[in-house]
Amino acid sequence: MGRLSNISGRETVKILSKIGYQQVRQEGSHMILYNPKPGFPILSIPDHKEIAPGLLRAQIKRAGLSVEDFLKLKKG
């Protein structure tokens, strides 16, 4: 399993945009992401310099990705 440290909220949004998620609004310090494809949940990503690995792992799973797939999207 890959390493999920030192990933910011903004970087997470950029990575998730590669699978169709779009930032639709920001509520306080949380960015709300929506994927227009059916079957994808709305995600709330904190706009922090570094997201806790457990929270990030949970959001990756909700987006329908594995950690390995997420890290592959990050690299390329």
N, C-alpha and C. Protein backbone atom coordinates (compact mmCIF):
# COMPACT_ATOMS: atom_id res chain seq x y z
N MET A 1 0.84 -1.17 0.00
CA MET A 1 0.00 0.00 0.00
C MET A 1 0.88 1.23 0.00
N GLY A 2 0.44 2.26 -0.68
CA GLY A 2 1.23 3.46 -0.82
C GLY A 2 1.17 4.36 0.39
N ARG A 3 1.96 5.39 0.35
CA ARG A 3 2.07 6.33 1.46
C ARG A 3 1.16 7.53 1.21
N LEU A 4 0.33 7.86 2.19
CA LEU A 4 -0.64 8.94 2.05
C LEU A 4 -0.31 10.13 2.94
N SER A 5 0.93 10.49 3.06
CA SER A 5 1.25 11.63 3.90
C SER A 5 1.61 12.83 3.03
N ASN A 6 1.51 13.99 3.63
CA ASN A 6 1.87 15.25 2.99
C ASN A 6 1.07 15.54 1.73
N ILE A 7 -0.21 15.22 1.73
CA ILE A 7 -1.08 15.56 0.61
C ILE A 7 -2.05 16.62 1.11
N SER A 8 -2.09 17.76 0.43
CA SER A 8 -2.97 18.85 0.85
C SER A 8 -4.37 18.65 0.30
N GLY A 9 -5.30 19.43 0.82
CA GLY A 9 -6.67 19.37 0.34
C GLY A 9 -6.77 19.79 -1.11
N ARG A 10 -6.06 20.83 -1.49
CA ARG A 10 -6.08 21.31 -2.88
C ARG A 10 -5.51 20.27 -3.84
N GLU A 11 -4.44 19.61 -3.43
CA GLU A 11 -3.85 18.56 -4.27
C GLU A 11 -4.82 17.38 -4.41
N THR A 12 -5.53 17.07 -3.34
CA THR A 12 -6.53 15.99 -3.38
C THR A 12 -7.63 16.32 -4.37
N VAL A 13 -8.09 17.58 -4.37
CA VAL A 13 -9.13 18.00 -5.32
C VAL A 13 -8.64 17.86 -6.76
N LYS A 14 -7.39 18.25 -7.02
CA LYS A 14 -6.83 18.12 -8.37
C LYS A 14 -6.78 16.66 -8.81
N ILE A 15 -6.41 15.78 -7.91
CA ILE A 15 -6.32 14.36 -8.24
C ILE A 15 -7.72 13.80 -8.50
N LEU A 16 -8.68 14.13 -7.65
CA LEU A 16 -10.04 13.62 -7.82
C LEU A 16 -10.73 14.20 -9.05
N SER A 17 -10.27 15.37 -9.51
CA SER A 17 -10.85 15.94 -10.73
C SER A 17 -10.51 15.09 -11.96
N LYS A 18 -9.47 14.29 -11.86
CA LYS A 18 -9.09 13.41 -12.97
C LYS A 18 -10.10 12.29 -13.20
N ILE A 19 -10.93 12.00 -12.18
CA ILE A 19 -11.97 10.96 -12.36
C ILE A 19 -13.35 11.59 -12.45
N GLY A 20 -13.42 12.90 -12.63
CA GLY A 20 -14.70 13.55 -12.89
C GLY A 20 -15.26 14.42 -11.78
N TYR A 21 -14.62 14.46 -10.62
CA TYR A 21 -15.13 15.30 -9.54
C TYR A 21 -14.85 16.77 -9.84
N GLN A 22 -15.81 17.62 -9.45
CA GLN A 22 -15.67 19.07 -9.63
C GLN A 22 -15.97 19.75 -8.31
N GLN A 23 -15.21 20.79 -8.01
CA GLN A 23 -15.50 21.56 -6.80
C GLN A 23 -16.67 22.47 -7.11
N VAL A 24 -17.78 22.32 -6.37
CA VAL A 24 -18.97 23.12 -6.65
C VAL A 24 -19.11 24.29 -5.70
N ARG A 25 -18.54 24.18 -4.50
CA ARG A 25 -18.59 25.29 -3.55
C ARG A 25 -17.62 25.03 -2.41
N GLN A 26 -17.48 26.03 -1.56
CA GLN A 26 -16.65 25.87 -0.36
C GLN A 26 -17.46 26.36 0.82
N GLU A 27 -17.56 25.53 1.84
CA GLU A 27 -18.26 25.89 3.07
C GLU A 27 -17.24 25.94 4.19
N GLY A 28 -16.91 27.13 4.60
CA GLY A 28 -15.87 27.29 5.63
C GLY A 28 -14.54 26.80 5.09
N SER A 29 -13.95 25.84 5.77
CA SER A 29 -12.65 25.33 5.32
C SER A 29 -12.79 24.01 4.57
N HIS A 30 -14.00 23.67 4.11
CA HIS A 30 -14.22 22.41 3.40
C HIS A 30 -14.67 22.66 1.97
N MET A 31 -14.01 21.97 1.03
CA MET A 31 -14.37 22.05 -0.38
C MET A 31 -15.35 20.92 -0.67
N ILE A 32 -16.46 21.26 -1.30
CA ILE A 32 -17.49 20.28 -1.61
C ILE A 32 -17.33 19.87 -3.06
N LEU A 33 -17.17 18.55 -3.28
CA LEU A 33 -16.94 18.02 -4.63
C LEU A 33 -18.14 17.21 -5.07
N TYR A 34 -18.46 17.34 -6.35
CA TYR A 34 -19.59 16.64 -6.94
C TYR A 34 -19.12 15.97 -8.22
N ASN A 35 -19.59 14.74 -8.43
CA ASN A 35 -19.30 14.03 -9.67
C ASN A 35 -20.62 13.82 -10.39
N PRO A 36 -20.79 14.38 -11.60
CA PRO A 36 -22.07 14.27 -12.29
C PRO A 36 -22.42 12.86 -12.75
N LYS A 37 -21.47 11.94 -12.74
CA LYS A 37 -21.76 10.56 -13.11
C LYS A 37 -22.61 9.91 -12.02
N PRO A 38 -23.61 9.11 -12.40
CA PRO A 38 -24.44 8.47 -11.38
C PRO A 38 -23.65 7.48 -10.52
N GLY A 39 -24.01 7.41 -9.26
CA GLY A 39 -23.39 6.45 -8.36
C GLY A 39 -22.20 6.99 -7.58
N PHE A 40 -21.82 8.22 -7.79
CA PHE A 40 -20.69 8.80 -7.06
C PHE A 40 -21.22 9.73 -5.98
N PRO A 41 -20.76 9.59 -4.73
CA PRO A 41 -21.26 10.44 -3.65
C PRO A 41 -20.61 11.83 -3.68
N ILE A 42 -21.25 12.76 -3.00
CA ILE A 42 -20.67 14.10 -2.81
C ILE A 42 -19.59 13.96 -1.73
N LEU A 43 -18.44 14.58 -1.97
CA LEU A 43 -17.33 14.50 -1.02
C LEU A 43 -17.07 15.86 -0.40
N SER A 44 -16.61 15.86 0.83
CA SER A 44 -16.21 17.07 1.54
C SER A 44 -14.74 16.93 1.91
N ILE A 45 -13.90 17.74 1.28
CA ILE A 45 -12.45 17.67 1.49
C ILE A 45 -12.00 18.92 2.25
N PRO A 46 -11.33 18.77 3.39
CA PRO A 46 -10.86 19.95 4.12
C PRO A 46 -9.75 20.67 3.35
N ASP A 47 -9.80 21.99 3.39
CA ASP A 47 -8.79 22.81 2.72
C ASP A 47 -7.65 23.06 3.70
N HIS A 48 -6.92 22.00 4.02
CA HIS A 48 -5.79 22.07 4.95
C HIS A 48 -4.49 21.83 4.19
N LYS A 49 -3.39 22.24 4.79
CA LYS A 49 -2.08 22.02 4.16
C LYS A 49 -1.75 20.54 4.09
N GLU A 50 -2.25 19.78 5.06
CA GLU A 50 -2.02 18.33 5.07
C GLU A 50 -3.26 17.66 5.65
N ILE A 51 -3.78 16.68 4.92
CA ILE A 51 -4.95 15.94 5.38
C ILE A 51 -4.48 14.70 6.13
N ALA A 52 -5.16 14.39 7.23
CA ALA A 52 -4.84 13.20 7.99
C ALA A 52 -5.01 11.95 7.12
N PRO A 53 -4.06 11.03 7.16
CA PRO A 53 -4.11 9.85 6.29
C PRO A 53 -5.38 9.03 6.42
N GLY A 54 -5.93 8.89 7.62
CA GLY A 54 -7.16 8.12 7.81
C GLY A 54 -8.36 8.76 7.11
N LEU A 55 -8.47 10.09 7.24
CA LEU A 55 -9.55 10.81 6.58
C LEU A 55 -9.40 10.74 5.07
N LEU A 56 -8.19 10.91 4.58
CA LEU A 56 -7.94 10.84 3.15
C LEU A 56 -8.26 9.45 2.61
N ARG A 57 -7.87 8.43 3.34
CA ARG A 57 -8.15 7.05 2.92
C ARG A 57 -9.66 6.81 2.83
N ALA A 58 -10.41 7.34 3.78
CA ALA A 58 -11.87 7.18 3.78
C ALA A 58 -12.50 7.89 2.58
N GLN A 59 -12.01 9.08 2.24
CA GLN A 59 -12.57 9.83 1.10
C GLN A 59 -12.20 9.15 -0.22
N ILE A 60 -11.02 8.57 -0.29
CA ILE A 60 -10.60 7.84 -1.49
C ILE A 60 -11.52 6.64 -1.69
N LYS A 61 -11.82 5.94 -0.61
CA LYS A 61 -12.71 4.77 -0.69
C LYS A 61 -14.12 5.19 -1.11
N ARG A 62 -14.62 6.30 -0.56
CA ARG A 62 -15.95 6.79 -0.95
C ARG A 62 -15.99 7.17 -2.42
N ALA A 63 -14.86 7.63 -2.97
CA ALA A 63 -14.80 8.01 -4.38
C ALA A 63 -14.71 6.80 -5.29
N GLY A 64 -14.60 5.60 -4.71
CA GLY A 64 -14.56 4.39 -5.51
C GLY A 64 -13.17 4.02 -6.01
N LEU A 65 -12.15 4.53 -5.34
CA LEU A 65 -10.77 4.25 -5.74
C LEU A 65 -10.07 3.43 -4.66
N SER A 66 -9.01 2.76 -5.05
CA SER A 66 -8.11 2.17 -4.06
C SER A 66 -6.99 3.18 -3.82
N VAL A 67 -6.25 2.99 -2.75
CA VAL A 67 -5.14 3.89 -2.46
C VAL A 67 -4.11 3.84 -3.59
N GLU A 68 -3.88 2.65 -4.13
CA GLU A 68 -2.92 2.50 -5.23
C GLU A 68 -3.36 3.28 -6.46
N ASP A 69 -4.66 3.19 -6.80
CA ASP A 69 -5.19 3.94 -7.94
C ASP A 69 -5.04 5.44 -7.72
N PHE A 70 -5.32 5.89 -6.50
CA PHE A 70 -5.20 7.31 -6.17
C PHE A 70 -3.76 7.78 -6.35
N LEU A 71 -2.81 6.99 -5.87
CA LEU A 71 -1.40 7.38 -5.99
C LEU A 71 -0.93 7.34 -7.45
N LYS A 72 -1.48 6.43 -8.25
CA LYS A 72 -1.15 6.41 -9.69
C LYS A 72 -1.66 7.69 -10.36
N LEU A 73 -2.87 8.13 -10.00
CA LEU A 73 -3.40 9.38 -10.54
C LEU A 73 -2.55 10.58 -10.10
N LYS A 74 -2.03 10.51 -8.89
CA LYS A 74 -1.17 11.58 -8.38
C LYS A 74 0.11 11.70 -9.20
N LYS A 75 0.70 10.55 -9.55
CA LYS A 75 1.96 10.55 -10.30
C LYS A 75 1.76 11.01 -11.75
N GLY A 76 0.66 10.64 -12.35
CA GLY A 76 0.55 10.92 -13.77
C GLY A 76 -0.77 11.41 -14.12
